[in-house]
PDB file of N, CA and C in Angstrom:
ATOM      1  N   MET A   1      65.399   0.168 -47.116  1.00  0.00           N
ATOM      2  CA  MET A   1      64.065   0.631 -46.819  1.00  0.00           C
ATOM      3  C   MET A   1      63.696   1.831 -47.688  1.00  0.00           C
ATOM      4  N   LYS A   2      64.639   2.779 -47.835  1.00  0.00           N
ATOM      5  CA  LYS A   2      64.381   3.982 -48.611  1.00  0.00           C
ATOM      6  C   LYS A   2      64.116   3.642 -50.080  1.00  0.00           C
ATOM      7  N   LYS A   3      64.929   2.753 -50.646  1.00  0.00           N
ATOM      8  CA  LYS A   3      64.745   2.371 -52.047  1.00  0.00           C
ATOM      9  C   LYS A   3      63.436   1.619 -52.238  1.00  0.00           C
ATOM     10  N   GLN A   4      63.083   0.787 -51.266  1.00  0.00           N
ATOM     11  CA  GLN A   4      61.844   0.031 -51.363  1.00  0.00           C
ATOM     12  C   GLN A   4      60.641   0.973 -51.338  1.00  0.00           C
ATOM     13  N   MET A   5      60.672   1.947 -50.434  1.00  0.00           N
ATOM     14  CA  MET A   5      59.579   2.914 -50.342  1.00  0.00           C
ATOM     15  C   MET A   5      59.458   3.727 -51.622  1.00  0.00           C
ATOM     16  N   LEU A   6      60.592   4.122 -52.166  1.00  0.00           N
ATOM     17  CA  LEU A   6      60.593   4.888 -53.408  1.00  0.00           C
ATOM     18  C   LEU A   6      60.027   4.057 -54.556  1.00  0.00           C
ATOM     19  N   GLY A   7      60.376   2.779 -54.602  1.00  0.00           N
ATOM     20  CA  GLY A   7      59.857   1.892 -55.635  1.00  0.00           C
ATOM     21  C   GLY A   7      58.357   1.716 -55.531  1.00  0.00           C
ATOM     22  N   VAL A   8      57.882   1.560 -54.306  1.00  0.00           N
ATOM     23  CA  VAL A   8      56.440   1.414 -54.091  1.00  0.00           C
ATOM     24  C   VAL A   8      55.714   2.685 -54.498  1.00  0.00           C
ATOM     25  N   LEU A   9      56.266   3.826 -54.114  1.00  0.00           N
ATOM     26  CA  LEU A   9      55.642   5.101 -54.464  1.00  0.00           C
ATOM     27  C   LEU A   9      55.614   5.313 -55.975  1.00  0.00           C
ATOM     28  N   ALA A  10      56.708   5.006 -56.643  1.00  0.00           N
ATOM     29  CA  ALA A  10      56.743   5.136 -58.100  1.00  0.00           C
ATOM     30  C   ALA A  10      55.726   4.208 -58.751  1.00  0.00           C
ATOM     31  N   GLY A  11      55.594   3.001 -58.219  1.00  0.00           N
ATOM     32  CA  GLY A  11      54.610   2.058 -58.746  1.00  0.00           C
ATOM     33  C   GLY A  11      53.190   2.558 -58.577  1.00  0.00           C
ATOM     34  N   VAL A  12      52.907   3.153 -57.430  1.00  0.00           N
ATOM     35  CA  VAL A  12      51.562   3.682 -57.176  1.00  0.00           C
ATOM     36  C   VAL A  12      51.258   4.832 -58.129  1.00  0.00           C
ATOM     37  N   VAL A  13      52.243   5.706 -58.349  1.00  0.00           N
ATOM     38  CA  VAL A  13      52.043   6.828 -59.268  1.00  0.00           C
ATOM     39  C   VAL A  13      51.804   6.316 -60.685  1.00  0.00           C
ATOM     40  N   LEU A  14      52.587   5.347 -61.113  1.00  0.00           N
ATOM     41  CA  LEU A  14      52.406   4.795 -62.458  1.00  0.00           C
ATOM     42  C   LEU A  14      51.069   4.079 -62.596  1.00  0.00           C
ATOM     43  N   LEU A  15      50.691   3.352 -61.577  1.00  0.00           N
ATOM     44  CA  LEU A  15      49.399   2.666 -61.606  1.00  0.00           C
ATOM     45  C   LEU A  15      48.255   3.672 -61.665  1.00  0.00           C
ATOM     46  N   GLY A  16      48.382   4.734 -60.888  1.00  0.00           N
ATOM     47  CA  GLY A  16      47.348   5.771 -60.910  1.00  0.00           C
ATOM     48  C   GLY A  16      47.244   6.442 -62.263  1.00  0.00           C
ATOM     49  N   ALA A  17      48.397   6.693 -62.888  1.00  0.00           N
ATOM     50  CA  ALA A  17      48.380   7.326 -64.209  1.00  0.00           C
ATOM     51  C   ALA A  17      47.801   6.386 -65.260  1.00  0.00           C
ATOM     52  N   SER A  18      48.114   5.101 -65.154  1.00  0.00           N
ATOM     53  CA  SER A  18      47.592   4.159 -66.144  1.00  0.00           C
ATOM     54  C   SER A  18      46.101   3.919 -65.944  1.00  0.00           C
ATOM     55  N   ALA A  19      45.617   4.151 -64.731  1.00  0.00           N
ATOM     56  CA  ALA A  19      44.194   3.974 -64.471  1.00  0.00           C
ATOM     57  C   ALA A  19      43.358   5.071 -65.124  1.00  0.00           C
ATOM     58  N   CYS A  20      43.976   6.158 -65.478  1.00  0.00           N
ATOM     59  CA  CYS A  20      43.265   7.253 -66.150  1.00  0.00           C
ATOM     60  C   CYS A  20      43.116   6.906 -67.627  1.00  0.00           C
ATOM     61  N   SER A  21      42.219   6.001 -67.911  1.00  0.00           N
ATOM     62  CA  SER A  21      42.051   5.550 -69.290  1.00  0.00           C
ATOM     63  C   SER A  21      41.292   6.569 -70.132  1.00  0.00           C
ATOM     64  N   THR A  22      40.786   7.590 -69.524  1.00  0.00           N
ATOM     65  CA  THR A  22      40.029   8.598 -70.257  1.00  0.00           C
ATOM     66  C   THR A  22      40.822   9.891 -70.402  1.00  0.00           C
ATOM     67  N   TRP A  23      42.115   9.768 -70.690  1.00  0.00           N
ATOM     68  CA  TRP A  23      42.940  10.960 -70.897  1.00  0.00           C
ATOM     69  C   TRP A  23      42.376  11.819 -72.028  1.00  0.00           C
ATOM     70  N   ASP A  24      41.674  11.211 -72.973  1.00  0.00           N
ATOM     71  CA  ASP A  24      41.133  11.961 -74.102  1.00  0.00           C
ATOM     72  C   ASP A  24      40.079  12.974 -73.660  1.00  0.00           C
ATOM     73  N   ASN A  25      39.392  12.675 -72.567  1.00  0.00           N
ATOM     74  CA  ASN A  25      38.342  13.571 -72.095  1.00  0.00           C
ATOM     75  C   ASN A  25      38.871  14.690 -71.208  1.00  0.00           C
ATOM     76  N   LEU A  26      40.153  14.653 -70.861  1.00  0.00           N
ATOM     77  CA  LEU A  26      40.735  15.684 -70.014  1.00  0.00           C
ATOM     78  C   LEU A  26      41.297  16.816 -70.863  1.00  0.00           C
ATOM     79  N   SER A  27      41.193  18.012 -70.323  1.00  0.00           N
ATOM     80  CA  SER A  27      41.811  19.146 -71.009  1.00  0.00           C
ATOM     81  C   SER A  27      43.316  19.116 -70.766  1.00  0.00           C
ATOM     82  N   ALA A  28      44.044  19.915 -71.499  1.00  0.00           N
ATOM     83  CA  ALA A  28      45.497  19.975 -71.334  1.00  0.00           C
ATOM     84  C   ALA A  28      45.841  20.447 -69.924  1.00  0.00           C
ATOM     85  N   ARG A  29      45.049  21.332 -69.394  1.00  0.00           N
ATOM     86  CA  ARG A  29      45.291  21.846 -68.043  1.00  0.00           C
ATOM     87  C   ARG A  29      45.104  20.753 -66.996  1.00  0.00           C
ATOM     88  N   GLU A  30      44.072  19.935 -67.152  1.00  0.00           N
ATOM     89  CA  GLU A  30      43.827  18.836 -66.213  1.00  0.00           C
ATOM     90  C   GLU A  30      44.919  17.775 -66.296  1.00  0.00           C
ATOM     91  N   ARG A  31      45.351  17.469 -67.504  1.00  0.00           N
ATOM     92  CA  ARG A  31      46.450  16.501 -67.665  1.00  0.00           C
ATOM     93  C   ARG A  31      47.721  17.019 -67.025  1.00  0.00           C
ATOM     94  N   SER A  32      48.024  18.288 -67.234  1.00  0.00           N
ATOM     95  CA  SER A  32      49.220  18.878 -66.646  1.00  0.00           C
ATOM     96  C   SER A  32      49.157  18.852 -65.125  1.00  0.00           C
ATOM     97  N   ALA A  33      47.987  19.102 -64.563  1.00  0.00           N
ATOM     98  CA  ALA A  33      47.832  19.070 -63.108  1.00  0.00           C
ATOM     99  C   ALA A  33      48.040  17.661 -62.565  1.00  0.00           C
ATOM    100  N   ALA A  34      47.502  16.663 -63.251  1.00  0.00           N
ATOM    101  CA  ALA A  34      47.664  15.276 -62.808  1.00  0.00           C
ATOM    102  C   ALA A  34      49.122  14.827 -62.896  1.00  0.00           C
ATOM    103  N   ILE A  35      49.777  15.159 -63.975  1.00  0.00           N
ATOM    104  CA  ILE A  35      51.185  14.800 -64.131  1.00  0.00           C
ATOM    105  C   ILE A  35      52.037  15.545 -63.110  1.00  0.00           C
ATOM    106  N   GLY A  36      51.744  16.820 -62.900  1.00  0.00           N
ATOM    107  CA  GLY A  36      52.478  17.602 -61.910  1.00  0.00           C
ATOM    108  C   GLY A  36      52.316  17.048 -60.507  1.00  0.00           C
ATOM    109  N   ALA A  37      51.116  16.594 -60.175  1.00  0.00           N
ATOM    110  CA  ALA A  37      50.885  16.009 -58.853  1.00  0.00           C
ATOM    111  C   ALA A  37      51.689  14.733 -58.670  1.00  0.00           C
ATOM    112  N   GLY A  38      51.760  13.923 -59.704  1.00  0.00           N
ATOM    113  CA  GLY A  38      52.553  12.688 -59.626  1.00  0.00           C
ATOM    114  C   GLY A  38      54.031  12.966 -59.475  1.00  0.00           C
ATOM    115  N   VAL A  39      54.537  13.869 -60.277  1.00  0.00           N
ATOM    116  CA  VAL A  39      55.954  14.223 -60.205  1.00  0.00           C
ATOM    117  C   VAL A  39      56.265  14.885 -58.859  1.00  0.00           C
ATOM    118  N   GLY A  40      55.375  15.743 -58.398  1.00  0.00           N
ATOM    119  CA  GLY A  40      55.572  16.403 -57.116  1.00  0.00           C
ATOM    120  C   GLY A  40      55.562  15.420 -55.952  1.00  0.00           C
ATOM    121  N   ALA A  41      54.704  14.415 -56.022  1.00  0.00           N
ATOM    122  CA  ALA A  41      54.659  13.404 -54.962  1.00  0.00           C
ATOM    123  C   ALA A  41      55.968  12.631 -54.889  1.00  0.00           C
ATOM    124  N   VAL A  42      56.479  12.241 -56.034  1.00  0.00           N
ATOM    125  CA  VAL A  42      57.756  11.514 -56.055  1.00  0.00           C
ATOM    126  C   VAL A  42      58.883  12.412 -55.557  1.00  0.00           C
ATOM    127  N   ALA A  43      58.915  13.652 -56.002  1.00  0.00           N
ATOM    128  CA  ALA A  43      59.967  14.577 -55.565  1.00  0.00           C
ATOM    129  C   ALA A  43      59.865  14.836 -54.064  1.00  0.00           C
ATOM    130  N   GLY A  44      58.664  15.019 -53.554  1.00  0.00           N
ATOM    131  CA  GLY A  44      58.483  15.237 -52.125  1.00  0.00           C
ATOM    132  C   GLY A  44      58.912  14.041 -51.300  1.00  0.00           C
ATOM    133  N   ALA A  45      58.648  12.844 -51.806  1.00  0.00           N
ATOM    134  CA  ALA A  45      59.071  11.637 -51.100  1.00  0.00           C
ATOM    135  C   ALA A  45      60.582  11.504 -51.092  1.00  0.00           C
ATOM    136  N   VAL A  46      61.212  11.850 -52.187  1.00  0.00           N
ATOM    137  CA  VAL A  46      62.671  11.761 -52.257  1.00  0.00           C
ATOM    138  C   VAL A  46      63.319  12.761 -51.312  1.00  0.00           C
ATOM    139  N   VAL A  47      62.823  13.987 -51.308  1.00  0.00           N
ATOM    140  CA  VAL A  47      63.423  15.037 -50.494  1.00  0.00           C
ATOM    141  C   VAL A  47      63.258  14.737 -49.000  1.00  0.00           C
ATOM    142  N   THR A  48      62.115  14.179 -48.606  1.00  0.00           N
ATOM    143  CA  THR A  48      61.849  13.935 -47.187  1.00  0.00           C
ATOM    144  C   THR A  48      62.098  12.490 -46.784  1.00  0.00           C
ATOM    145  N   ASP A  49      62.811  11.737 -47.586  1.00  0.00           N
ATOM    146  CA  ASP A  49      63.110  10.326 -47.312  1.00  0.00           C
ATOM    147  C   ASP A  49      61.847   9.508 -47.065  1.00  0.00           C
ATOM    148  N   GLY A  50      60.840   9.711 -47.872  1.00  0.00           N
ATOM    149  CA  GLY A  50      59.607   8.933 -47.788  1.00  0.00           C
ATOM    150  C   GLY A  50      58.614   9.450 -46.772  1.00  0.00           C
ATOM    151  N   GLY A  51      58.781  10.669 -46.316  1.00  0.00           N
ATOM    152  CA  GLY A  51      57.848  11.235 -45.342  1.00  0.00           C
ATOM    153  C   GLY A  51      56.475  11.471 -45.953  1.00  0.00           C
ATOM    154  N   VAL A  52      55.456  11.175 -45.175  1.00  0.00           N
ATOM    155  CA  VAL A  52      54.085  11.302 -45.677  1.00  0.00           C
ATOM    156  C   VAL A  52      53.741  12.758 -45.978  1.00  0.00           C
ATOM    157  N   LEU A  53      54.079  13.654 -45.066  1.00  0.00           N
ATOM    158  CA  LEU A  53      53.753  15.064 -45.284  1.00  0.00           C
ATOM    159  C   LEU A  53      54.509  15.637 -46.475  1.00  0.00           C
ATOM    160  N   GLY A  54      55.751  15.225 -46.664  1.00  0.00           N
ATOM    161  CA  GLY A  54      56.520  15.681 -47.816  1.00  0.00           C
ATOM    162  C   GLY A  54      55.931  15.184 -49.119  1.00  0.00           C
ATOM    163  N   THR A  55      55.452  13.944 -49.099  1.00  0.00           N
ATOM    164  CA  THR A  55      54.843  13.374 -50.303  1.00  0.00           C
ATOM    165  C   THR A  55      53.536  14.088 -50.642  1.00  0.00           C
ATOM    166  N   ILE A  56      52.709  14.296 -49.639  1.00  0.00           N
ATOM    167  CA  ILE A  56      51.434  14.980 -49.867  1.00  0.00           C
ATOM    168  C   ILE A  56      51.665  16.440 -50.267  1.00  0.00           C
ATOM    169  N   GLY A  57      52.594  17.084 -49.583  1.00  0.00           N
ATOM    170  CA  GLY A  57      52.908  18.472 -49.921  1.00  0.00           C
ATOM    171  C   GLY A  57      53.467  18.597 -51.324  1.00  0.00           C
ATOM    172  N   GLY A  58      54.333  17.668 -51.708  1.00  0.00           N
ATOM    173  CA  GLY A  58      54.884  17.679 -53.061  1.00  0.00           C
ATOM    174  C   GLY A  58      53.814  17.470 -54.111  1.00  0.00           C
ATOM    175  N   ALA A  59      52.861  16.590 -53.808  1.00  0.00           N
ATOM    176  CA  ALA A  59      51.761  16.360 -54.748  1.00  0.00           C
ATOM    177  C   ALA A  59      50.906  17.612 -54.898  1.00  0.00           C
ATOM    178  N   ALA A  60      50.651  18.290 -53.788  1.00  0.00           N
ATOM    179  CA  ALA A  60      49.832  19.498 -53.841  1.00  0.00           C
ATOM    180  C   ALA A  60      50.526  20.605 -54.628  1.00  0.00           C
ATOM    181  N   VAL A  61      51.801  20.820 -54.320  1.00  0.00           N
ATOM    182  CA  VAL A  61      52.537  21.864 -55.033  1.00  0.00           C
ATOM    183  C   VAL A  61      52.688  21.506 -56.500  1.00  0.00           C
ATOM    184  N   GLY A  62      53.001  20.240 -56.785  1.00  0.00           N
ATOM    185  CA  GLY A  62      53.148  19.811 -58.181  1.00  0.00           C
ATOM    186  C   GLY A  62      51.849  19.943 -58.963  1.00  0.00           C
ATOM    187  N   GLY A  63      50.727  19.658 -58.309  1.00  0.00           N
ATOM    188  CA  GLY A  63      49.440  19.816 -58.985  1.00  0.00           C
ATOM    189  C   GLY A  63      49.134  21.253 -59.335  1.00  0.00           C
ATOM    190  N   VAL A  64      49.445  22.150 -58.419  1.00  0.00           N
ATOM    191  CA  VAL A  64      49.219  23.585 -58.677  1.00  0.00           C
ATOM    192  C   VAL A  64      50.131  24.080 -59.792  1.00  0.00           C
ATOM    193  N   VAL A  65      51.413  23.690 -59.735  1.00  0.00           N
ATOM    194  CA  VAL A  65      52.352  24.109 -60.776  1.00  0.00           C
ATOM    195  C   VAL A  65      51.925  23.543 -62.125  1.00  0.00           C
ATOM    196  N   GLY A  66      51.556  22.273 -62.159  1.00  0.00           N
ATOM    197  CA  GLY A  66      51.094  21.664 -63.403  1.00  0.00           C
ATOM    198  C   GLY A  66      49.857  22.344 -63.964  1.00  0.00           C
ATOM    199  N   ASP A  67      48.953  22.722 -63.071  1.00  0.00           N
ATOM    200  CA  ASP A  67      47.751  23.448 -63.494  1.00  0.00           C
ATOM    201  C   ASP A  67      48.098  24.773 -64.146  1.00  0.00           C
ATOM    202  N   GLN A  68      49.034  25.490 -63.552  1.00  0.00           N
ATOM    203  CA  GLN A  68      49.426  26.791 -64.092  1.00  0.00           C
ATOM    204  C   GLN A  68      50.190  26.652 -65.411  1.00  0.00           C
ATOM    205  N   VAL A  69      50.998  25.612 -65.525  1.00  0.00           N
ATOM    206  CA  VAL A  69      51.751  25.389 -66.761  1.00  0.00           C
ATOM    207  C   VAL A  69      50.784  25.011 -67.893  1.00  0.00           C
ATOM    208  N   GLY A  70      49.723  24.282 -67.555  1.00  0.00           N
ATOM    209  CA  GLY A  70      48.792  23.824 -68.574  1.00  0.00           C
ATOM    210  C   GLY A  70      47.825  24.877 -69.085  1.00  0.00           C
ATOM    211  N   LYS A  71      47.904  26.091 -68.559  1.00  0.00           N
ATOM    212  CA  LYS A  71      46.985  27.156 -68.992  1.00  0.00           C
ATOM    213  C   LYS A  71      47.128  27.464 -70.464  1.00  0.00           C
TER     214      LYS A  71
END
């Protein structure tokens, strides 16, 4: 169950990233925030064994960190 959930989550993150066909119109800061949110969501899901709050919290923290790194 855990591996299946992780696979689904990774697929959703990859699908979401591929749906951003207008990466050219994003600034470096916006791209960093989007990538950070994706990485944070996956990390939060792994740490909390697929917990919804952990995934959302990881995405939020990852987005903020990515935003700051992209400055």
